[in-house]
Protein backbone atom coordinates (compact mmCIF):
# COMPACT_ATOMS: atom_id res chain seq x y z
CA MET A 1 -1.69 12.25 -11.09
CA ILE A 2 -2.16 15.48 -9.15
CA LYS A 3 0.75 14.67 -6.99
CA LYS A 4 2.85 14.12 -9.97
CA LEU A 5 1.85 17.43 -11.62
CA LEU A 6 2.69 19.10 -8.19
CA TYR A 7 6.01 17.44 -8.07
CA ILE A 8 6.94 18.66 -11.60
CA PHE A 9 5.73 22.25 -10.71
CA VAL A 10 7.89 22.23 -7.64
CA LEU A 11 10.89 21.15 -9.73
CA ILE A 12 10.24 23.72 -12.44
CA PHE A 13 9.92 26.45 -9.74
CA TYR A 14 13.08 25.39 -8.11
CA PHE A 15 15.24 25.37 -11.11
CA THR A 16 13.78 28.66 -12.37
CA ILE A 17 14.87 30.17 -9.13
CA GLU A 18 18.34 28.71 -9.45
CA LEU A 19 18.70 29.77 -12.99
CA PHE A 20 17.75 33.46 -12.41
CA ALA A 21 19.55 33.64 -9.04
CA LEU A 22 21.85 36.48 -10.02
CA SER A 23 23.08 38.81 -7.45
CA GLY A 24 25.97 41.22 -6.88
CA PRO A 25 27.49 43.63 -9.27
CA HIS A 26 26.49 41.74 -12.33
CA ALA A 27 22.81 42.01 -11.31
CA ASP A 28 23.23 45.73 -10.64
CA ILE A 29 24.69 46.78 -13.97
CA THR A 30 21.43 48.25 -15.13
CA SER A 31 20.88 50.33 -11.97
CA SER A 32 24.50 51.76 -11.70
CA SER A 33 24.97 55.52 -11.73
CA ASP A 34 26.28 55.50 -15.39
CA THR A 35 23.53 53.33 -16.98
CA THR A 36 20.49 55.70 -16.37
CA THR A 37 19.56 55.41 -19.94
CA ASP A 38 20.17 51.75 -20.23
CA ASN A 39 17.72 49.17 -21.72
CA GLY A 40 17.04 47.75 -18.32
CA GLU A 41 18.01 44.14 -19.10
CA THR A 42 20.61 42.23 -17.15
CA CYS A 43 21.48 38.91 -18.83
CA VAL A 44 22.08 40.56 -22.40
CA TYR A 45 25.27 41.99 -21.16
CA CYS A 46 26.87 38.67 -21.22
CA HIS A 47 24.48 36.19 -22.89
CA THR A 48 22.34 36.00 -26.06
CA PRO A 49 19.69 33.44 -27.00
CA HIS A 50 20.89 33.54 -30.67
CA GLY A 51 24.16 34.34 -32.43
CA GLY A 52 26.60 33.84 -29.52
CA ASN A 53 30.35 34.37 -29.88
CA SER A 54 31.63 30.84 -30.71
CA ASP A 55 35.20 32.07 -30.33
CA LEU A 56 34.43 32.08 -26.54
CA SER A 57 32.49 28.75 -26.80
CA PRO A 58 33.03 27.57 -23.12
CA ALA A 59 30.83 30.49 -21.98
CA PRO A 60 27.37 29.49 -23.15
CA LEU A 61 25.92 31.90 -25.93
CA TRP A 62 28.37 34.64 -25.04
CA ASN A 63 27.26 38.09 -26.14
CA LYS A 64 30.57 39.98 -25.86
CA PRO A 65 33.07 40.60 -28.79
CA THR A 66 36.48 38.96 -28.23
CA ALA A 67 38.83 41.09 -26.46
CA SER A 68 41.27 42.68 -28.80
CA THR A 69 43.72 43.29 -25.98
CA THR A 70 47.17 41.83 -26.24
CA PHE A 71 47.77 40.06 -22.84
CA THR A 72 51.02 39.54 -21.04
CA MET A 73 50.54 36.41 -19.25
CA TYR A 74 51.87 35.37 -15.83
CA GLY A 75 54.51 33.11 -17.44
CA ALA A 76 56.38 30.02 -16.55
CA THR A 77 56.81 28.64 -12.96
CA SER A 78 59.16 26.10 -11.80
CA GLU A 79 59.92 24.48 -8.36
CA SER A 80 62.52 22.19 -6.93
CA THR A 81 61.88 19.91 -3.86
CA SER A 82 64.91 18.13 -2.25
CA GLY A 83 66.77 18.45 -5.56
CA THR A 84 63.93 17.25 -7.75
CA THR A 85 62.37 19.60 -10.20
CA ILE A 86 58.63 19.34 -10.34
CA ALA A 87 57.35 19.64 -13.94
CA ASN A 88 57.60 23.11 -15.33
CA THR A 89 54.33 24.76 -16.18
CA SER A 90 53.62 27.77 -18.35
CA THR A 91 50.36 29.78 -18.69
CA ASP A 92 48.76 29.57 -22.18
CA ALA A 93 50.13 32.14 -24.70
CA VAL A 94 46.74 33.93 -24.43
CA PRO A 95 43.89 33.53 -21.89
CA SER A 96 41.68 30.49 -22.73
CA GLY A 97 38.41 29.16 -21.80
CA SER A 98 36.19 30.93 -19.25
CA SER A 99 38.95 33.36 -18.51
CA MET A 100 38.84 34.80 -21.80
CA ALA A 101 35.16 35.15 -21.51
CA CYS A 102 35.67 37.15 -18.33
CA LEU A 103 38.37 39.36 -19.84
CA SER A 104 36.07 40.25 -22.68
CA CYS A 105 34.72 42.68 -20.27
CA HIS A 106 37.32 42.85 -17.42
CA ASP A 107 40.25 43.71 -19.68
CA GLY A 108 40.07 47.45 -18.75
CA VAL A 109 39.44 48.27 -22.46
CA SER A 110 36.14 46.75 -23.48
CA ALA A 111 32.89 48.53 -22.67
CA MET A 112 30.63 46.83 -20.35
CA ASN A 113 27.72 47.61 -22.77
CA SER A 114 29.29 46.34 -25.99
CA VAL A 115 27.52 43.30 -27.21
CA ILE A 116 27.56 41.48 -30.49
CA ASN A 117 23.78 40.83 -30.50
CA ALA A 118 21.67 43.81 -29.11
CA PRO A 119 18.07 43.38 -27.97
CA GLY A 120 15.70 43.30 -30.88
CA SER A 121 15.67 41.63 -34.35
CA GLY A 122 18.45 42.43 -36.84
CA ASN A 123 20.89 43.92 -34.39
CA TYR A 124 23.86 41.50 -34.75
CA ASN A 125 27.27 43.04 -34.99
CA ALA A 126 30.27 40.71 -34.65
CA LEU A 127 32.53 43.64 -33.73
CA GLY A 128 30.20 44.73 -31.01
CA SER A 129 27.68 47.70 -30.65
CA TYR A 130 26.53 49.72 -27.68
CA ILE A 131 23.19 48.94 -25.95
CA GLY A 132 21.61 51.73 -24.00
CA THR A 133 23.96 54.54 -23.14
CA ASN A 134 26.33 55.86 -25.96
CA PRO A 135 29.17 56.86 -25.46
CA PRO A 136 30.02 53.43 -23.83
CA LEU A 137 29.88 52.76 -20.17
CA SER A 138 33.12 52.38 -17.99
CA THR A 139 35.87 50.47 -19.60
CA THR A 140 38.55 50.50 -16.91
CA MET A 141 36.09 50.14 -14.12
CA PRO A 142 38.11 52.53 -11.99
CA GLU A 143 35.89 52.70 -8.99
CA VAL A 144 37.05 49.39 -7.83
CA ALA A 145 40.49 48.22 -8.93
CA TYR A 146 39.77 44.44 -8.93
CA LYS A 147 37.14 44.88 -11.57
CA SER A 148 39.85 45.60 -14.18
CA ILE A 149 42.01 42.55 -13.77
CA GLY A 150 43.49 42.70 -17.08
CA LEU A 151 44.06 46.52 -17.30
CA ASN A 152 46.56 47.24 -20.14
CA GLY A 153 46.73 43.58 -20.67
CA ASP A 154 48.99 42.98 -17.79
CA LEU A 155 48.27 39.83 -16.15
CA THR A 156 51.84 39.29 -14.76
CA ASP A 157 50.66 40.72 -11.28
CA ASP A 158 47.60 38.42 -10.89
CA HIS A 159 47.27 34.75 -10.06
CA PRO A 160 47.98 32.65 -12.96
CA ILE A 161 45.05 31.77 -15.14
CA SER A 162 44.87 29.42 -18.14
CA ILE A 163 47.52 27.20 -16.45
CA GLU A 164 47.59 23.52 -15.83
CA TYR A 165 47.00 22.34 -12.27
CA ILE A 166 49.72 20.10 -11.29
CA PRO A 167 49.53 18.50 -7.67
CA GLY A 168 52.63 19.07 -5.83
CA LYS A 169 53.65 22.03 -7.56
CA ALA A 170 53.45 25.31 -5.39
CA SER A 171 52.24 22.89 -2.74
CA LEU A 172 49.07 22.13 -4.68
CA LYS A 173 46.84 19.48 -3.17
CA PRO A 174 45.64 16.29 -4.94
CA LEU A 175 42.63 16.58 -7.41
CA ASN A 176 40.49 14.42 -5.09
CA GLU A 177 41.20 16.58 -2.08
CA PRO A 178 37.87 17.42 -0.47
CA LEU A 179 36.98 21.22 -0.10
CA THR A 180 35.32 22.92 2.87
CA ASP A 181 32.59 25.51 2.41
CA PHE A 182 33.39 26.19 -1.27
CA PHE A 183 30.44 27.35 -3.36
CA GLY A 184 29.75 25.03 -6.19
CA ALA A 185 32.70 22.68 -5.66
CA VAL A 186 33.19 19.50 -3.39
CA LEU A 187 36.63 18.46 -4.64
CA VAL A 188 39.61 20.48 -5.92
CA SER A 189 38.95 18.93 -9.40
CA ASP A 190 35.67 20.67 -9.36
CA LEU A 191 37.38 24.07 -9.52
CA LEU A 192 39.32 23.25 -12.73
CA LYS A 193 38.26 23.59 -16.46
CA ASP A 194 39.82 21.06 -18.61
CA GLY A 195 42.48 20.45 -15.94
CA LYS A 196 43.43 24.23 -15.79
CA VAL A 197 43.04 26.94 -13.29
CA GLN A 198 40.66 29.70 -14.69
CA CYS A 199 39.02 32.68 -13.42
CA THR A 200 35.99 30.59 -12.57
CA SER A 201 38.19 28.41 -10.27
CA CYS A 202 38.09 31.14 -7.59
CA HIS A 203 34.97 33.03 -8.77
CA ASP A 204 31.49 32.03 -9.60
CA PRO A 205 30.03 34.70 -12.02
CA HIS A 206 26.37 34.34 -11.00
CA GLU A 207 25.99 34.04 -7.22
CA THR A 208 27.93 33.17 -4.13
CA PRO A 209 27.37 34.34 -0.56
CA TYR A 210 31.01 35.78 -0.58
CA ASN A 211 32.34 39.16 -1.73
CA THR A 212 33.54 39.65 -5.40
CA TYR A 213 31.85 36.28 -6.28
CA LEU A 214 34.75 34.34 -4.44
CA ARG A 215 33.79 30.69 -4.04
CA ASN A 216 34.90 30.89 -0.47
CA GLY A 217 35.50 33.57 2.12
CA ASN A 218 39.35 34.21 2.61
CA THR A 219 39.39 34.63 6.42
CA GLY A 220 42.50 32.71 7.49
CA SER A 221 43.36 32.25 3.84
CA SER A 222 40.48 29.76 3.52
CA LEU A 223 40.18 30.19 -0.24
CA CYS A 224 43.99 29.79 -0.84
CA ILE A 225 44.38 26.72 1.27
CA GLY A 226 41.62 25.07 -0.60
CA CYS A 227 44.19 24.29 -3.25
CA HIS A 228 47.53 25.09 -1.65
CA ASP A 229 48.92 23.03 1.17
CA LYS A 230 50.43 25.83 3.12
């Protein structure tokens, strides 16, 4: 009995560590230079235990209002190989899935400290309200350019998101292609959400050993050639 209880305790301890293993810029948001009067919580910037944004349902209990930005998507891609045209693929009309969740903060317009359910009882606002500092924290995140991927709604100069993954197109590898040293993924198919490439295909928002939450380092284009056979 004691051994069984000890085993259960170890499992709980392990999964607790995994659940709260948050590092990098997201973990540092409450200690950044412009959050000196912040409420000191970390998870609340993205998640809430109650009243999450159901419009962004792929993101669990999402606490950000839906971005009001009008996005210009990457567009359509087409390719011919030996005279044969591989199926044309277009990005979705608007960002979808986890990508839309990411852009509810990284659109270059939305404030980092705008949430729909502020800490405490009775603080729900579907349009978003500021926690901690007011006026809002940085919106364009100018100190590091990559943080504002959707600045001014322009996604045409970024890797396509919300786009179907079609093996063979753009030299894309088969879905069952094994990956090497990718964080949180073993096969190419593990990187996709509903068969589509999203922000989370290349980035893990909580923790990776690589910079900017990449799922792999890009020395020798290791990240790129995980999917592209170049």
